[in-house]
Amino acid sequence: MAPPKPPQEQPRSDELPPLPPERESSLRSRGGGSETFVDFVNARSSQVHIYWLDYHGQRRPYGVLAPGTSYRQHTYVGHPWVVTDSGGRALACFLPAPETRKAVIR
C-alpha cells in the first residue's frame, strides 16, 4: 500500500493562486487593466528569476530573488508573470489581482 500523499498547500487569501508552469505558453499581457502590485516572495532554498510576459508572451526579465527574500513589483491587472529557476525552467505563473497580493514561490 502506498503512503498517503501529503496535503497540498492551499494559498492563503492574501496570496495569488499559482498557475501551473505549462500555462506560460498561453499567457500574454493585455492592455486596459488597473494598476496594482504583486509582492513576490521566494520561499525556496535557491534563487528564482522573475519575468513579465509581454504582449507577445515573451519573457522580459525583472529581477532575481535570493532564498527567503521578497520585493514589491508595480504591474497591471492583465499582465502575467512567470517565475523560473536559475536554469530558466518555469516554476509557476501568476496573474495579478486588483488588490496587492503575494506571489509565493514554493
PDB file of N, CA and C in Angstrom:
ATOM      1  N   MET A   1       0.843  -1.180   0.000  1.00  0.00           N
ATOM      2  CA  MET A   1       0.000   0.000   0.000  1.00  0.00           C
ATOM      3  C   MET A   1       0.893   1.248   0.000  1.00  0.00           C
ATOM      4  N   ALA A   2       0.558   2.194  -0.856  1.00  0.00           N
ATOM      5  CA  ALA A   2       1.351   3.420  -0.989  1.00  0.00           C
ATOM      6  C   ALA A   2       1.105   4.326   0.208  1.00  0.00           C
ATOM      7  N   PRO A   3       2.142   5.057   0.638  1.00  0.00           N
ATOM      8  CA  PRO A   3       1.934   6.003   1.744  1.00  0.00           C
ATOM      9  C   PRO A   3       0.999   7.120   1.303  1.00  0.00           C
ATOM     10  N   PRO A   4       0.261   7.700   2.241  1.00  0.00           N
ATOM     11  CA  PRO A   4      -0.662   8.782   1.848  1.00  0.00           C
ATOM     12  C   PRO A   4       0.122   9.988   1.346  1.00  0.00           C
ATOM     13  N   LYS A   5      -0.494  10.680   0.400  1.00  0.00           N
ATOM     14  CA  LYS A   5       0.125  11.896  -0.142  1.00  0.00           C
ATOM     15  C   LYS A   5      -0.012  13.012   0.878  1.00  0.00           C
ATOM     16  N   PRO A   6       1.030  13.865   0.987  1.00  0.00           N
ATOM     17  CA  PRO A   6       0.887  14.992   1.916  1.00  0.00           C
ATOM     18  C   PRO A   6      -0.175  15.947   1.396  1.00  0.00           C
ATOM     19  N   PRO A   7      -0.865  16.629   2.300  1.00  0.00           N
ATOM     20  CA  PRO A   7      -1.896  17.567   1.830  1.00  0.00           C
ATOM     21  C   PRO A   7      -1.256  18.670   1.008  1.00  0.00           C
ATOM     22  N   GLN A   8      -1.934  19.050  -0.068  1.00  0.00           N
ATOM     23  CA  GLN A   8      -1.414  20.118  -0.915  1.00  0.00           C
ATOM     24  C   GLN A   8      -1.709  21.446  -0.246  1.00  0.00           C
ATOM     25  N   GLU A   9      -0.676  22.290  -0.196  1.00  0.00           N
ATOM     26  CA  GLU A   9      -0.829  23.577   0.463  1.00  0.00           C
ATOM     27  C   GLU A   9      -1.716  24.487  -0.373  1.00  0.00           C
ATOM     28  N   GLN A  10      -2.735  25.039   0.250  1.00  0.00           N
ATOM     29  CA  GLN A  10      -3.635  25.964  -0.435  1.00  0.00           C
ATOM     30  C   GLN A  10      -3.149  27.388  -0.190  1.00  0.00           C
ATOM     31  N   PRO A  11      -3.229  28.262  -1.218  1.00  0.00           N
ATOM     32  CA  PRO A  11      -2.813  29.647  -1.000  1.00  0.00           C
ATOM     33  C   PRO A  11      -3.731  30.332   0.005  1.00  0.00           C
ATOM     34  N   ARG A  12      -3.153  31.216   0.805  1.00  0.00           N
ATOM     35  CA  ARG A  12      -3.942  31.989   1.751  1.00  0.00           C
ATOM     36  C   ARG A  12      -4.681  33.084   0.985  1.00  0.00           C
ATOM     37  N   SER A  13      -5.627  33.728   1.645  1.00  0.00           N
ATOM     38  CA  SER A  13      -6.435  34.741   0.961  1.00  0.00           C
ATOM     39  C   SER A  13      -5.617  35.947   0.508  1.00  0.00           C
ATOM     40  N   ASP A  14      -4.435  36.168   1.124  1.00  0.00           N
ATOM     41  CA  ASP A  14      -3.609  37.294   0.691  1.00  0.00           C
ATOM     42  C   ASP A  14      -2.595  36.880  -0.380  1.00  0.00           C
ATOM     43  N   GLU A  15      -2.742  35.647  -0.876  1.00  0.00           N
ATOM     44  CA  GLU A  15      -1.824  35.137  -1.896  1.00  0.00           C
ATOM     45  C   GLU A  15      -2.536  34.943  -3.228  1.00  0.00           C
ATOM     46  N   LEU A  16      -1.773  35.141  -4.290  1.00  0.00           N
ATOM     47  CA  LEU A  16      -2.270  34.811  -5.623  1.00  0.00           C
ATOM     48  C   LEU A  16      -2.164  33.303  -5.811  1.00  0.00           C
ATOM     49  N   PRO A  17      -3.163  32.679  -6.405  1.00  0.00           N
ATOM     50  CA  PRO A  17      -3.028  31.247  -6.675  1.00  0.00           C
ATOM     51  C   PRO A  17      -2.004  31.034  -7.798  1.00  0.00           C
ATOM     52  N   PRO A  18      -1.018  30.170  -7.572  1.00  0.00           N
ATOM     53  CA  PRO A  18      -0.052  29.921  -8.645  1.00  0.00           C
ATOM     54  C   PRO A  18      -0.696  29.121  -9.773  1.00  0.00           C
ATOM     55  N   LEU A  19      -0.368  29.488 -10.987  1.00  0.00           N
ATOM     56  CA  LEU A  19      -0.826  28.731 -12.155  1.00  0.00           C
ATOM     57  C   LEU A  19       0.273  27.741 -12.533  1.00  0.00           C
ATOM     58  N   PRO A  20      -0.097  26.590 -13.087  1.00  0.00           N
ATOM     59  CA  PRO A  20       0.930  25.620 -13.483  1.00  0.00           C
ATOM     60  C   PRO A  20       1.887  26.223 -14.509  1.00  0.00           C
ATOM     61  N   PRO A  21       3.169  25.834 -14.463  1.00  0.00           N
ATOM     62  CA  PRO A  21       4.148  26.375 -15.405  1.00  0.00           C
ATOM     63  C   PRO A  21       3.770  26.132 -16.869  1.00  0.00           C
ATOM     64  N   GLU A  22       3.023  25.073 -17.137  1.00  0.00           N
ATOM     65  CA  GLU A  22       2.618  24.753 -18.514  1.00  0.00           C
ATOM     66  C   GLU A  22       1.727  25.830 -19.116  1.00  0.00           C
ATOM     67  N   ARG A  23       1.124  26.660 -18.272  1.00  0.00           N
ATOM     68  CA  ARG A  23       0.245  27.722 -18.773  1.00  0.00           C
ATOM     69  C   ARG A  23       1.011  28.861 -19.429  1.00  0.00           C
ATOM     70  N   GLU A  24       2.317  28.941 -19.192  1.00  0.00           N
ATOM     71  CA  GLU A  24       3.102  30.075 -19.700  1.00  0.00           C
ATOM     72  C   GLU A  24       2.892  30.298 -21.191  1.00  0.00           C
ATOM     73  N   SER A  25       2.888  29.240 -21.981  1.00  0.00           N
ATOM     74  CA  SER A  25       2.801  29.393 -23.442  1.00  0.00           C
ATOM     75  C   SER A  25       1.487  30.019 -23.900  1.00  0.00           C
ATOM     76  N   SER A  26       0.462  29.984 -23.063  1.00  0.00           N
ATOM     77  CA  SER A  26      -0.830  30.562 -23.455  1.00  0.00           C
ATOM     78  C   SER A  26      -1.064  31.947 -22.847  1.00  0.00           C
ATOM     79  N   LEU A  27      -0.094  32.446 -22.067  1.00  0.00           N
ATOM     80  CA  LEU A  27      -0.275  33.731 -21.392  1.00  0.00           C
ATOM     81  C   LEU A  27       0.433  34.862 -22.128  1.00  0.00           C
ATOM     82  N   ARG A  28      -0.222  36.024 -22.180  1.00  0.00           N
ATOM     83  CA  ARG A  28       0.393  37.246 -22.705  1.00  0.00           C
ATOM     84  C   ARG A  28      -0.328  38.430 -22.088  1.00  0.00           C
ATOM     85  N   SER A  29       0.371  39.532 -22.010  1.00  0.00           N
ATOM     86  CA  SER A  29      -0.219  40.731 -21.415  1.00  0.00           C
ATOM     87  C   SER A  29      -1.289  41.311 -22.322  1.00  0.00           C
ATOM     88  N   ARG A  30      -2.270  41.908 -21.685  1.00  0.00           N
ATOM     89  CA  ARG A  30      -3.309  42.639 -22.408  1.00  0.00           C
ATOM     90  C   ARG A  30      -3.459  43.990 -21.738  1.00  0.00           C
ATOM     91  N   GLY A  31      -3.841  44.977 -22.507  1.00  0.00           N
ATOM     92  CA  GLY A  31      -3.947  46.341 -22.003  1.00  0.00           C
ATOM     93  C   GLY A  31      -5.263  46.606 -21.310  1.00  0.00           C
ATOM     94  N   GLY A  32      -5.338  47.786 -20.676  1.00  0.00           N
ATOM     95  CA  GLY A  32      -6.594  48.235 -20.093  1.00  0.00           C
ATOM     96  C   GLY A  32      -6.816  47.874 -18.642  1.00  0.00           C
ATOM     97  N   GLY A  33      -5.915  47.124 -18.039  1.00  0.00           N
ATOM     98  CA  GLY A  33      -6.088  46.736 -16.644  1.00  0.00           C
ATOM     99  C   GLY A  33      -5.672  47.848 -15.695  1.00  0.00           C
ATOM    100  N   SER A  34      -6.227  47.808 -14.502  1.00  0.00           N
ATOM    101  CA  SER A  34      -5.884  48.813 -13.499  1.00  0.00           C
ATOM    102  C   SER A  34      -4.507  48.535 -12.898  1.00  0.00           C
ATOM    103  N   GLU A  35      -3.892  49.592 -12.351  1.00  0.00           N
ATOM    104  CA  GLU A  35      -2.596  49.448 -11.697  1.00  0.00           C
ATOM    105  C   GLU A  35      -2.751  48.646 -10.416  1.00  0.00           C
ATOM    106  N   THR A  36      -1.725  47.875 -10.096  1.00  0.00           N
ATOM    107  CA  THR A  36      -1.726  47.072  -8.872  1.00  0.00           C
ATOM    108  C   THR A  36      -0.280  46.739  -8.517  1.00  0.00           C
ATOM    109  N   PHE A  37      -0.106  45.954  -7.477  1.00  0.00           N
ATOM    110  CA  PHE A  37       1.219  45.489  -7.069  1.00  0.00           C
ATOM    111  C   PHE A  37       1.169  43.999  -6.785  1.00  0.00           C
ATOM    112  N   VAL A  38       2.304  43.345  -6.989  1.00  0.00           N
ATOM    113  CA  VAL A  38       2.483  41.948  -6.592  1.00  0.00           C
ATOM    114  C   VAL A  38       3.708  41.899  -5.693  1.00  0.00           C
ATOM    115  N   ASP A  39       3.552  41.260  -4.539  1.00  0.00           N
ATOM    116  CA  ASP A  39       4.681  41.034  -3.640  1.00  0.00           C
ATOM    117  C   ASP A  39       5.230  39.640  -3.914  1.00  0.00           C
ATOM    118  N   PHE A  40       6.342  39.567  -4.633  1.00  0.00           N
ATOM    119  CA  PHE A  40       6.966  38.276  -4.916  1.00  0.00           C
ATOM    120  C   PHE A  40       7.744  37.829  -3.685  1.00  0.00           C
ATOM    121  N   VAL A  41       7.526  36.582  -3.249  1.00  0.00           N
ATOM    122  CA  VAL A  41       8.157  36.024  -2.053  1.00  0.00           C
ATOM    123  C   VAL A  41       8.820  34.703  -2.437  1.00  0.00           C
ATOM    124  N   ASN A  42      10.128  34.631  -2.257  1.00  0.00           N
ATOM    125  CA  ASN A  42      10.855  33.395  -2.565  1.00  0.00           C
ATOM    126  C   ASN A  42      10.947  32.537  -1.305  1.00  0.00           C
ATOM    127  N   ALA A  43      10.099  31.508  -1.234  1.00  0.00           N
ATOM    128  CA  ALA A  43      10.096  30.579  -0.099  1.00  0.00           C
ATOM    129  C   ALA A  43      10.940  29.343  -0.395  1.00  0.00           C
ATOM    130  N   ARG A  44      11.691  29.367  -1.479  1.00  0.00           N
ATOM    131  CA  ARG A  44      12.524  28.226  -1.865  1.00  0.00           C
ATOM    132  C   ARG A  44      13.920  28.369  -1.246  1.00  0.00           C
ATOM    133  N   SER A  45      14.715  27.314  -1.393  1.00  0.00           N
ATOM    134  CA  SER A  45      16.077  27.337  -0.853  1.00  0.00           C
ATOM    135  C   SER A  45      17.106  27.745  -1.904  1.00  0.00           C
ATOM    136  N   SER A  46      16.640  28.168  -3.065  1.00  0.00           N
ATOM    137  CA  SER A  46      17.540  28.636  -4.124  1.00  0.00           C
ATOM    138  C   SER A  46      16.947  29.886  -4.770  1.00  0.00           C
ATOM    139  N   GLN A  47      17.787  30.633  -5.485  1.00  0.00           N
ATOM    140  CA  GLN A  47      17.303  31.872  -6.095  1.00  0.00           C
ATOM    141  C   GLN A  47      16.325  31.574  -7.222  1.00  0.00           C
ATOM    142  N   VAL A  48      15.457  32.553  -7.488  1.00  0.00           N
ATOM    143  CA  VAL A  48      14.492  32.455  -8.582  1.00  0.00           C
ATOM    144  C   VAL A  48      14.579  33.723  -9.417  1.00  0.00           C
ATOM    145  N   HIS A  49      14.120  33.612 -10.662  1.00  0.00           N
ATOM    146  CA  HIS A  49      14.123  34.732 -11.607  1.00  0.00           C
ATOM    147  C   HIS A  49      12.679  35.106 -11.916  1.00  0.00           C
ATOM    148  N   ILE A  50      12.405  36.412 -11.921  1.00  0.00           N
ATOM    149  CA  ILE A  50      11.056  36.941 -12.156  1.00  0.00           C
ATOM    150  C   ILE A  50      11.005  37.543 -13.554  1.00  0.00           C
ATOM    151  N   TYR A  51       9.995  37.148 -14.327  1.00  0.00           N
ATOM    152  CA  TYR A  51       9.808  37.666 -15.681  1.00  0.00           C
ATOM    153  C   TYR A  51       8.370  38.144 -15.871  1.00  0.00           C
ATOM    154  N   TRP A  52       8.242  39.285 -16.523  1.00  0.00           N
ATOM    155  CA  TRP A  52       6.940  39.744 -17.017  1.00  0.00           C
ATOM    156  C   TRP A  52       6.758  39.114 -18.391  1.00  0.00           C
ATOM    157  N   LEU A  53       5.538  38.669 -18.698  1.00  0.00           N
ATOM    158  CA  LEU A  53       5.228  38.159 -20.034  1.00  0.00           C
ATOM    159  C   LEU A  53       4.599  39.291 -20.829  1.00  0.00           C
ATOM    160  N   ASP A  54       5.282  39.703 -21.883  1.00  0.00           N
ATOM    161  CA  ASP A  54       4.841  40.873 -22.637  1.00  0.00           C
ATOM    162  C   ASP A  54       3.625  40.564 -23.520  1.00  0.00           C
ATOM    163  N   TYR A  55       3.290  41.505 -24.399  1.00  0.00           N
ATOM    164  CA  TYR A  55       2.090  41.386 -25.242  1.00  0.00           C
ATOM    165  C   TYR A  55       2.194  40.283 -26.291  1.00  0.00           C
ATOM    166  N   HIS A  56       3.389  39.733 -26.463  1.00  0.00           N
ATOM    167  CA  HIS A  56       3.602  38.615 -27.387  1.00  0.00           C
ATOM    168  C   HIS A  56       3.879  37.329 -26.633  1.00  0.00           C
ATOM    169  N   GLY A  57       3.797  37.362 -25.303  1.00  0.00           N
ATOM    170  CA  GLY A  57       4.053  36.189 -24.482  1.00  0.00           C
ATOM    171  C   GLY A  57       5.534  35.918 -24.256  1.00  0.00           C
ATOM    172  N   GLN A  58       6.380  36.909 -24.580  1.00  0.00           N
ATOM    173  CA  GLN A  58       7.825  36.757 -24.409  1.00  0.00           C
ATOM    174  C   GLN A  58       8.241  37.176 -22.991  1.00  0.00           C
ATOM    175  N   ARG A  59       9.195  36.455 -22.435  1.00  0.00           N
ATOM    176  CA  ARG A  59       9.721  36.780 -21.107  1.00  0.00           C
ATOM    177  C   ARG A  59      10.545  38.064 -21.146  1.00  0.00           C
ATOM    178  N   ARG A  60      10.279  38.937 -20.188  1.00  0.00           N
ATOM    179  CA  ARG A  60      11.067  40.159 -20.001  1.00  0.00           C
ATOM    180  C   ARG A  60      11.585  40.142 -18.569  1.00  0.00           C
ATOM    181  N   PRO A  61      12.921  40.071 -18.379  1.00  0.00           N
ATOM    182  CA  PRO A  61      13.465  39.928 -17.021  1.00  0.00           C
ATOM    183  C   PRO A  61      13.200  41.143 -16.136  1.00  0.00           C
ATOM    184  N   TYR A  62      12.824  40.866 -14.891  1.00  0.00           N
ATOM    185  CA  TYR A  62      12.551  41.935 -13.939  1.00  0.00           C
ATOM    186  C   TYR A  62      13.324  41.811 -12.653  1.00  0.00           C
ATOM    187  N   GLY A  63      13.868  40.653 -12.342  1.00  0.00           N
ATOM    188  CA  GLY A  63      14.631  40.562 -11.108  1.00  0.00           C
ATOM    189  C   GLY A  63      15.001  39.146 -10.740  1.00  0.00           C
ATOM    190  N   VAL A  64      15.906  39.070  -9.778  1.00  0.00           N
ATOM    191  CA  VAL A  64      16.349  37.797  -9.216  1.00  0.00           C
ATOM    192  C   VAL A  64      16.132  37.897  -7.712  1.00  0.00           C
ATOM    193  N   LEU A  65      15.496  36.876  -7.149  1.00  0.00           N
ATOM    194  CA  LEU A  65      15.230  36.867  -5.715  1.00  0.00           C
ATOM    195  C   LEU A  65      16.047  35.783  -5.042  1.00  0.00           C
ATOM    196  N   ALA A  66      16.828  36.154  -4.050  1.00  0.00           N
ATOM    197  CA  ALA A  66      17.585  35.191  -3.256  1.00  0.00           C
ATOM    198  C   ALA A  66      16.608  34.412  -2.368  1.00  0.00           C
ATOM    199  N   PRO A  67      17.011  33.252  -1.876  1.00  0.00           N
ATOM    200  CA  PRO A  67      16.140  32.485  -0.968  1.00  0.00           C
ATOM    201  C   PRO A  67      15.716  33.329   0.231  1.00  0.00           C
ATOM    202  N   GLY A  68      14.433  33.233   0.575  1.00  0.00           N
ATOM    203  CA  GLY A  68      13.920  33.917   1.752  1.00  0.00           C
ATOM    204  C   GLY A  68      13.723  35.414   1.604  1.00  0.00           C
ATOM    205  N   THR A  69      13.839  35.945   0.392  1.00  0.00           N
ATOM    206  CA  THR A  69      13.654  37.387   0.195  1.00  0.00           C
ATOM    207  C   THR A  69      12.373  37.660  -0.589  1.00  0.00           C
ATOM    208  N   SER A  70      12.001  38.949  -0.617  1.00  0.00           N
ATOM    209  CA  SER A  70      10.793  39.353  -1.344  1.00  0.00           C
ATOM    210  C   SER A  70      10.981  40.756  -1.884  1.00  0.00           C
ATOM    211  N   TYR A  71      10.116  41.130  -2.811  1.00  0.00           N
ATOM    212  CA  TYR A  71      10.078  42.519  -3.281  1.00  0.00           C
ATOM    213  C   TYR A  71       8.721  42.813  -3.886  1.00  0.00           C
ATOM    214  N   ARG A  72       8.365  44.104  -3.892  1.00  0.00           N
ATOM    215  CA  ARG A  72       7.071  44.555  -4.430  1.00  0.00           C
ATOM    216  C   ARG A  72       7.272  45.038  -5.861  1.00  0.00           C
ATOM    217  N   GLN A  73       6.432  44.520  -6.759  1.00  0.00           N
ATOM    218  CA  GLN A  73       6.509  44.864  -8.175  1.00  0.00           C
ATOM    219  C   GLN A  73       5.247  45.610  -8.599  1.00  0.00           C
ATOM    220  N   HIS A  74       5.409  46.789  -9.158  1.00  0.00           N
ATOM    221  CA  HIS A  74       4.291  47.526  -9.757  1.00  0.00           C
ATOM    222  C   HIS A  74       3.920  46.805 -11.055  1.00  0.00           C
ATOM    223  N   THR A  75       2.641  46.645 -11.307  1.00  0.00           N
ATOM    224  CA  THR A  75       2.190  45.967 -12.519  1.00  0.00           C
ATOM    225  C   THR A  75       0.750  46.379 -12.810  1.00  0.00           C
ATOM    226  N   TYR A  76       0.102  45.669 -13.680  1.00  0.00           N
ATOM    227  CA  TYR A  76      -1.285  45.928 -14.071  1.00  0.00           C
ATOM    228  C   TYR A  76      -2.061  44.621 -14.081  1.00  0.00           C
ATOM    229  N   VAL A  77      -3.345  44.708 -13.768  1.00  0.00           N
ATOM    230  CA  VAL A  77      -4.219  43.556 -13.919  1.00  0.00           C
ATOM    231  C   VAL A  77      -4.207  43.196 -15.406  1.00  0.00           C
ATOM    232  N   GLY A  78      -4.032  41.931 -15.711  1.00  0.00           N
ATOM    233  CA  GLY A  78      -3.943  41.505 -17.104  1.00  0.00           C
ATOM    234  C   GLY A  78      -2.518  41.333 -17.595  1.00  0.00           C
ATOM    235  N   HIS A  79      -1.530  41.555 -16.705  1.00  0.00           N
ATOM    236  CA  HIS A  79      -0.125  41.357 -17.057  1.00  0.00           C
ATOM    237  C   HIS A  79       0.410  40.138 -16.298  1.00  0.00           C
ATOM    238  N   PRO A  80       0.574  39.002 -16.970  1.00  0.00           N
ATOM    239  CA  PRO A  80       1.043  37.790 -16.296  1.00  0.00           C
ATOM    240  C   PRO A  80       2.544  37.818 -16.022  1.00  0.00           C
ATOM    241  N   TRP A  81       2.929  37.034 -15.020  1.00  0.00           N
ATOM    242  CA  TRP A  81       4.320  36.907 -14.603  1.00  0.00           C
ATOM    243  C   TRP A  81       4.673  35.432 -14.517  1.00  0.00           C
ATOM    244  N   VAL A  82       5.931  35.121 -14.811  1.00  0.00           N
ATOM    245  CA  VAL A  82       6.418  33.744 -14.655  1.00  0.00           C
ATOM    246  C   VAL A  82       7.676  33.800 -13.794  1.00  0.00           C
ATOM    247  N   VAL A  83       7.820  32.796 -12.948  1.00  0.00           N
ATOM    248  CA  VAL A  83       8.985  32.665 -12.079  1.00  0.00           C
ATOM    249  C   VAL A  83       9.704  31.386 -12.481  1.00  0.00           C
ATOM    250  N   THR A  84      11.037  31.498 -12.649  1.00  0.00           N
ATOM    251  CA  THR A  84      11.824  30.343 -13.084  1.00  0.00           C
ATOM    252  C   THR A  84      12.953  30.062 -12.096  1.00  0.00           C
ATOM    253  N   ASP A  85      13.533  28.871 -12.257  1.00  0.00           N
ATOM    254  CA  ASP A  85      14.758  28.578 -11.519  1.00  0.00           C
ATOM    255  C   ASP A  85      15.923  29.189 -12.284  1.00  0.00           C
ATOM    256  N   SER A  86      17.144  29.011 -11.789  1.00  0.00           N
ATOM    257  CA  SER A  86      18.325  29.617 -12.428  1.00  0.00           C
ATOM    258  C   SER A  86      18.564  29.102 -13.840  1.00  0.00           C
ATOM    259  N   GLY A  87      18.065  27.907 -14.139  1.00  0.00           N
ATOM    260  CA  GLY A  87      18.227  27.331 -15.468  1.00  0.00           C
ATOM    261  C   GLY A  87      17.154  27.758 -16.459  1.00  0.00           C
ATOM    262  N   GLY A  88      16.204  28.593 -16.023  1.00  0.00           N
ATOM    263  CA  GLY A  88      15.149  29.062 -16.919  1.00  0.00           C
ATOM    264  C   GLY A  88      13.911  28.183 -16.947  1.00  0.00           C
ATOM    265  N   ARG A  89      13.869  27.147 -16.102  1.00  0.00           N
ATOM    266  CA  ARG A  89      12.702  26.258 -16.058  1.00  0.00           C
ATOM    267  C   ARG A  89      11.594  26.940 -15.263  1.00  0.00           C
ATOM    268  N   ALA A  90      10.424  27.099 -15.873  1.00  0.00           N
ATOM    269  CA  ALA A  90       9.299  27.754 -15.207  1.00  0.00           C
ATOM    270  C   ALA A  90       8.865  26.963 -13.978  1.00  0.00           C
ATOM    271  N   LEU A  91       8.638  27.695 -12.889  1.00  0.00           N
ATOM    272  CA  LEU A  91       8.176  27.094 -11.636  1.00  0.00           C
ATOM    273  C   LEU A  91       6.696  27.374 -11.405  1.00  0.00           C
ATOM    274  N   ALA A  92       6.255  28.584 -11.752  1.00  0.00           N
ATOM    275  CA  ALA A  92       4.860  28.983 -11.561  1.00  0.00           C
ATOM    276  C   ALA A  92       4.597  30.256 -12.342  1.00  0.00           C
ATOM    277  N   CYS A  93       3.335  30.456 -12.676  1.00  0.00           N
ATOM    278  CA  CYS A  93       2.881  31.690 -13.316  1.00  0.00           C
ATOM    279  C   CYS A  93       1.889  32.360 -12.370  1.00  0.00           C
ATOM    280  N   PHE A  94       1.803  33.678 -12.460  1.00  0.00           N
ATOM    281  CA  PHE A  94       0.898  34.429 -11.596  1.00  0.00           C
ATOM    282  C   PHE A  94       0.180  35.502 -12.408  1.00  0.00           C
ATOM    283  N   LEU A  95      -1.111  35.679 -12.119  1.00  0.00           N
ATOM    284  CA  LEU A  95      -1.905  36.759 -12.704  1.00  0.00           C
ATOM    285  C   LEU A  95      -2.248  37.737 -11.585  1.00  0.00           C
ATOM    286  N   PRO A  96      -1.857  39.009 -11.721  1.00  0.00           N
ATOM    287  CA  PRO A  96      -2.121  39.991 -10.664  1.00  0.00           C
ATOM    288  C   PRO A  96      -3.615  40.171 -10.396  1.00  0.00           C
ATOM    289  N   ALA A  97      -3.923  40.499  -9.154  1.00  0.00           N
ATOM    290  CA  ALA A  97      -5.292  40.799  -8.725  1.00  0.00           C
ATOM    291  C   ALA A  97      -5.441  42.320  -8.618  1.00  0.00           C
ATOM    292  N   PRO A  98      -6.673  42.824  -8.567  1.00  0.00           N
ATOM    293  CA  PRO A  98      -6.875  44.272  -8.428  1.00  0.00           C
ATOM    294  C   PRO A  98      -6.254  44.838  -7.149  1.00  0.00           C
ATOM    295  N   GLU A  99      -6.181  44.021  -6.094  1.00  0.00           N
ATOM    296  CA  GLU A  99      -5.559  44.472  -4.849  1.00  0.00           C
ATOM    297  C   GLU A  99      -4.200  43.790  -4.709  1.00  0.00           C
ATOM    298  N   THR A 100      -3.296  44.412  -3.952  1.00  0.00           N
ATOM    299  CA  THR A 100      -1.968  43.854  -3.745  1.00  0.00           C
ATOM    300  C   THR A 100      -2.060  42.483  -3.080  1.00  0.00           C
ATOM    301  N   ARG A 101      -1.390  41.522  -3.682  1.00  0.00           N
ATOM    302  CA  ARG A 101      -1.343  40.164  -3.145  1.00  0.00           C
ATOM    303  C   ARG A 101       0.060  39.622  -3.252  1.00  0.00           C
ATOM    304  N   LYS A 102       0.329  38.548  -2.513  1.00  0.00           N
ATOM    305  CA  LYS A 102       1.641  37.897  -2.539  1.00  0.00           C
ATOM    306  C   LYS A 102       1.662  36.797  -3.598  1.00  0.00           C
ATOM    307  N   ALA A 103       2.784  36.712  -4.310  1.00  0.00           N
ATOM    308  CA  ALA A 103       3.062  35.593  -5.213  1.00  0.00           C
ATOM    309  C   ALA A 103       4.172  34.799  -4.533  1.00  0.00           C
ATOM    310  N   VAL A 104       3.787  33.754  -3.804  1.00  0.00           N
ATOM    311  CA  VAL A 104       4.742  32.969  -3.033  1.00  0.00           C
ATOM    312  C   VAL A 104       5.266  31.834  -3.901  1.00  0.00           C
ATOM    313  N   ILE A 105       6.579  31.810  -4.075  1.00  0.00           N
ATOM    314  CA  ILE A 105       7.224  30.777  -4.889  1.00  0.00           C
ATOM    315  C   ILE A 105       7.702  29.706  -3.949  1.00  0.00           C
ATOM    316  N   ARG A 106       7.074  28.517  -4.036  1.00  0.00           N
ATOM    317  CA  ARG A 106       7.403  27.403  -3.141  1.00  0.00           C
ATOM    318  C   ARG A 106       8.154  26.327  -3.886  1.00  0.00           C
TER     319      ARG A 106
END
